[in-house]
Amino acid sequence: MGRLDENARTEFLEEHPDWTIEGESLTRTFGLLDFKDAMGFVTRVALASEVADHHPDIDIRWNKVHIVLSTHSEGALTDKDTALAAEFDAF
């Protein structure tokens, strides 16, 4: 697991423009059709996170799901965060 340098952060944001970096966290709010779709999305996020053994903070607001990723054990953004964020984008 490697900490992300500035080049890796910039490259990730260029490829995934809906994400933002806030301190040492990646954040994104996903807009879904309704609560049912939001909960289905969260279930997929949860399953992918378990497989990766890397768990985001998740905030659910009816048809919006806010995700925050950070590698707390490193105190920094790592490739684990960007890999999981990219997987969420594919959903």
Protein backbone atom coordinates (compact mmCIF):
# COMPACT_ATOMS: atom_id res chain seq x y z
CA MET A 1 0.00 0.00 0.00
CA GLY A 2 1.51 3.27 -1.06
CA ARG A 3 0.72 6.80 0.00
CA LEU A 4 -0.43 8.95 -2.90
CA ASP A 5 1.95 11.66 -4.01
CA GLU A 6 0.74 14.82 -5.73
CA ASN A 7 1.11 13.31 -9.21
CA ALA A 8 -1.01 10.28 -8.30
CA ARG A 9 -3.66 12.53 -6.72
CA THR A 10 -3.81 14.76 -9.81
CA GLU A 11 -3.97 11.77 -12.15
CA PHE A 12 -6.80 10.18 -10.15
CA LEU A 13 -8.84 13.40 -10.14
CA GLU A 14 -8.34 13.83 -13.89
CA GLU A 15 -9.68 10.30 -14.47
CA HIS A 16 -12.45 10.61 -11.83
CA PRO A 17 -13.56 14.27 -11.82
CA ASP A 18 -16.58 13.69 -9.57
CA TRP A 19 -14.30 12.95 -6.61
CA THR A 20 -12.62 15.64 -4.53
CA ILE A 21 -9.74 15.51 -2.11
CA GLU A 22 -10.37 17.06 1.29
CA GLY A 23 -7.26 16.83 3.43
CA GLU A 24 -6.31 13.15 3.40
CA SER A 25 -9.74 11.93 2.25
CA LEU A 26 -11.44 11.26 -1.06
CA THR A 27 -15.08 12.35 -1.11
CA ARG A 28 -17.95 12.06 -3.52
CA THR A 29 -21.72 12.37 -3.37
CA PHE A 30 -23.56 10.00 -5.70
CA GLY A 31 -27.03 11.04 -6.86
CA LEU A 32 -29.44 8.12 -7.36
CA LEU A 33 -33.04 7.94 -8.52
CA ASP A 34 -34.67 7.30 -5.15
CA PHE A 35 -34.15 5.71 -1.73
CA LYS A 36 -34.41 2.17 -3.07
CA ASP A 37 -31.67 2.81 -5.63
CA ALA A 38 -29.53 4.52 -3.00
CA MET A 39 -29.81 1.50 -0.70
CA GLY A 40 -28.99 -0.87 -3.55
CA PHE A 41 -25.89 1.21 -4.32
CA VAL A 42 -24.85 1.16 -0.65
CA THR A 43 -25.19 -2.63 -0.60
CA ARG A 44 -22.82 -2.89 -3.57
CA VAL A 45 -20.42 -0.47 -1.89
CA ALA A 46 -20.54 -2.52 1.31
CA LEU A 47 -19.84 -5.81 -0.47
CA ALA A 48 -16.93 -4.36 -2.47
CA SER A 49 -15.54 -2.78 0.70
CA GLU A 50 -15.64 -6.08 2.56
CA VAL A 51 -13.81 -7.85 -0.26
CA ALA A 52 -11.17 -5.09 -0.25
CA ASP A 53 -11.05 -5.06 3.57
CA HIS A 54 -11.23 -1.27 3.32
CA HIS A 55 -14.30 0.51 4.65
CA PRO A 56 -15.54 4.00 3.74
CA ASP A 57 -17.65 6.38 5.75
CA ILE A 58 -21.14 6.40 4.21
CA ASP A 59 -23.89 8.97 4.67
CA ILE A 60 -27.31 8.22 3.10
CA ARG A 61 -29.84 10.99 2.39
CA TRP A 62 -32.88 9.64 0.50
CA ASN A 63 -31.45 9.59 -3.05
CA LYS A 64 -27.92 10.77 -2.25
CA VAL A 65 -25.01 8.73 -0.91
CA HIS A 66 -21.93 10.56 0.36
CA ILE A 67 -18.74 8.47 0.50
CA VAL A 68 -15.50 9.36 2.29
CA LEU A 69 -12.42 7.19 1.78
CA SER A 70 -9.18 7.45 3.72
CA THR A 71 -6.60 4.96 4.95
CA HIS A 72 -6.73 5.69 8.66
CA SER A 73 -3.86 3.32 9.50
CA GLU A 74 -1.59 5.40 7.23
CA GLY A 75 -3.09 8.77 8.13
CA ALA A 76 -3.10 9.49 4.40
CA LEU A 77 -4.63 8.72 1.05
CA THR A 78 -3.32 5.50 -0.46
CA ASP A 79 -3.83 3.41 -3.55
CA LYS A 80 -6.40 1.40 -1.56
CA ASP A 81 -8.60 4.51 -1.51
CA THR A 82 -8.32 5.26 -5.21
CA ALA A 83 -8.83 1.62 -6.20
CA LEU A 84 -12.05 1.40 -4.20
CA ALA A 85 -13.25 4.80 -5.44
CA ALA A 86 -12.72 3.69 -9.04
CA GLU A 87 -14.67 0.53 -8.33
CA PHE A 88 -17.57 2.58 -6.90
CA ASP A 89 -17.55 4.71 -10.06
CA ALA A 90 -18.05 1.57 -12.12
CA PHE A 91 -21.32 0.81 -10.30
